Every structure is written in C-alpha cells, then in structure tokens.
Amino acid sequence: MTDTQPAVSAAELGQWVRERVADYVQRPVADIGSQTLLSDYGMDSIFALSLCAELEDHLGREIDSATLWRNPTVDSIVDTLVGPDGTAR
C-alpha cells in the first residue's frame, strides 16, 4: 500500500463486503445482513479465499486467509480490519 491510498471507513468497508457477498451469491445487496453468518448465504472455502484476495487488493495490504473463518459475518470482518481510528487501510 502507498501512503497516498485513502483510508476506508468502517461503513464503506461494510458496504463493499456486502456488495461482494451479494455478487457471489447472486442476491440483492439489501438481502445481505451484516450480522448473518456468511455460510448461511453459501460461502465456501473458494469464496472465502477469493474474498480475502479481493480485500487485500481493496485495502492494499495482506490479510490472513483465516480471517474470514474466524470472523464469519460482515460486521465481524469489518471490526477485525478497521483500526482504532475507525478506518481500514
């Protein structure tokens, strides 16, 4: 990541993750709950690894691939990736 890459707010990151999940499961974004287990939408290991790679590209940093298994909801993913200043970089 470069120093000029803008920070992403928790709300922006949550919306982005919901959009990616919605795209994967082919459902409207409005149907993706922030506290619903991603496995309830059919998230599998292939999707988890793909989403992890997309998160790395989106945030410009490396993310442990086990992050999505330890944090199985949109809210818990965001909480893990957002720093004390309320942004993810």
Protein backbone atom coordinates (compact mmCIF):
# COMPACT_ATOMS: atom_id res chain seq x y z
CA MET A 1 0.00 0.00 0.00
CA THR A 2 1.18 3.50 -0.68
CA ASP A 3 0.89 6.37 1.75
CA THR A 4 -1.44 8.11 -0.71
CA GLN A 5 -4.00 5.29 -0.68
CA PRO A 6 -7.08 6.66 1.06
CA ALA A 7 -8.38 5.08 4.23
CA VAL A 8 -11.70 3.25 4.01
CA SER A 9 -14.27 3.91 6.71
CA ALA A 10 -15.96 1.06 8.56
CA ALA A 11 -19.26 1.88 6.84
CA GLU A 12 -17.63 1.91 3.39
CA LEU A 13 -15.86 -1.37 4.05
CA GLY A 14 -19.05 -2.99 5.33
CA GLN A 15 -20.93 -1.89 2.22
CA TRP A 16 -18.12 -3.15 -0.01
CA VAL A 17 -18.08 -6.57 1.69
CA ARG A 18 -21.89 -6.83 1.43
CA GLU A 19 -21.66 -5.98 -2.29
CA ARG A 20 -19.04 -8.68 -2.87
CA VAL A 21 -21.10 -11.27 -0.96
CA ALA A 22 -24.25 -10.27 -2.86
CA ASP A 23 -22.42 -10.63 -6.16
CA TYR A 24 -21.10 -14.06 -5.21
CA VAL A 25 -24.47 -15.42 -4.06
CA GLN A 26 -26.40 -13.54 -6.75
CA ARG A 27 -28.74 -11.76 -4.38
CA PRO A 28 -29.56 -8.08 -3.89
CA VAL A 29 -27.21 -6.24 -1.55
CA ALA A 30 -30.21 -5.37 0.62
CA ASP A 31 -30.63 -9.10 1.35
CA ILE A 32 -27.14 -9.39 2.85
CA GLY A 33 -27.31 -8.87 6.60
CA SER A 34 -24.29 -7.53 8.40
CA GLN A 35 -24.73 -10.00 11.29
CA THR A 36 -25.82 -13.05 9.28
CA LEU A 37 -23.32 -15.89 9.02
CA LEU A 38 -21.78 -15.81 5.56
CA SER A 39 -22.12 -19.59 5.45
CA ASP A 40 -25.90 -19.05 5.56
CA TYR A 41 -25.52 -17.48 2.12
CA GLY A 42 -23.48 -20.43 0.87
CA MET A 43 -19.98 -19.08 1.46
CA ASP A 44 -17.48 -21.84 0.84
CA SER A 45 -13.69 -22.05 1.03
CA ILE A 46 -13.26 -20.92 -2.59
CA PHE A 47 -15.35 -17.81 -1.97
CA ALA A 48 -13.55 -17.13 1.31
CA LEU A 49 -10.16 -17.20 -0.40
CA SER A 50 -11.44 -15.08 -3.29
CA LEU A 51 -12.93 -12.51 -0.92
CA CYS A 52 -9.73 -12.43 1.09
CA ALA A 53 -7.73 -11.71 -2.09
CA GLU A 54 -10.21 -9.00 -3.09
CA LEU A 55 -9.97 -7.45 0.38
CA GLU A 56 -6.18 -7.39 0.06
CA ASP A 57 -6.47 -5.59 -3.29
CA HIS A 58 -9.15 -3.23 -1.98
CA LEU A 59 -7.23 -2.27 1.15
CA GLY A 60 -3.72 -2.56 -0.27
CA ARG A 61 -2.44 -4.84 2.47
CA GLU A 62 -2.00 -8.51 3.24
CA ILE A 63 -4.79 -10.26 5.12
CA ASP A 64 -4.52 -13.66 6.79
CA SER A 65 -6.69 -16.09 4.82
CA ALA A 66 -8.13 -17.48 8.07
CA THR A 67 -9.61 -14.06 8.90
CA LEU A 68 -12.90 -14.90 7.19
CA TRP A 69 -13.28 -18.20 9.04
CA ARG A 70 -12.58 -16.57 12.39
CA ASN A 71 -14.96 -13.71 11.52
CA PRO A 72 -17.98 -15.24 9.82
CA THR A 73 -20.16 -12.12 9.44
CA VAL A 74 -19.75 -8.81 7.61
CA ASP A 75 -19.68 -6.92 10.92
CA SER A 76 -17.01 -9.16 12.43
CA ILE A 77 -14.83 -8.89 9.30
CA VAL A 78 -15.10 -5.11 9.39
CA ASP A 79 -14.41 -4.98 13.15
CA THR A 80 -11.25 -7.03 12.60
CA LEU A 81 -9.95 -4.93 9.71
CA VAL A 82 -10.77 -1.45 10.99
CA GLY A 83 -8.24 0.23 13.21
CA PRO A 84 -8.75 2.38 16.30
CA ASP A 85 -9.16 5.47 14.10
CA GLY A 86 -12.27 3.93 12.51
CA THR A 87 -10.67 3.25 9.15
CA ALA A 88 -9.14 0.33 7.32
CA ARG A 89 -6.01 0.80 5.26
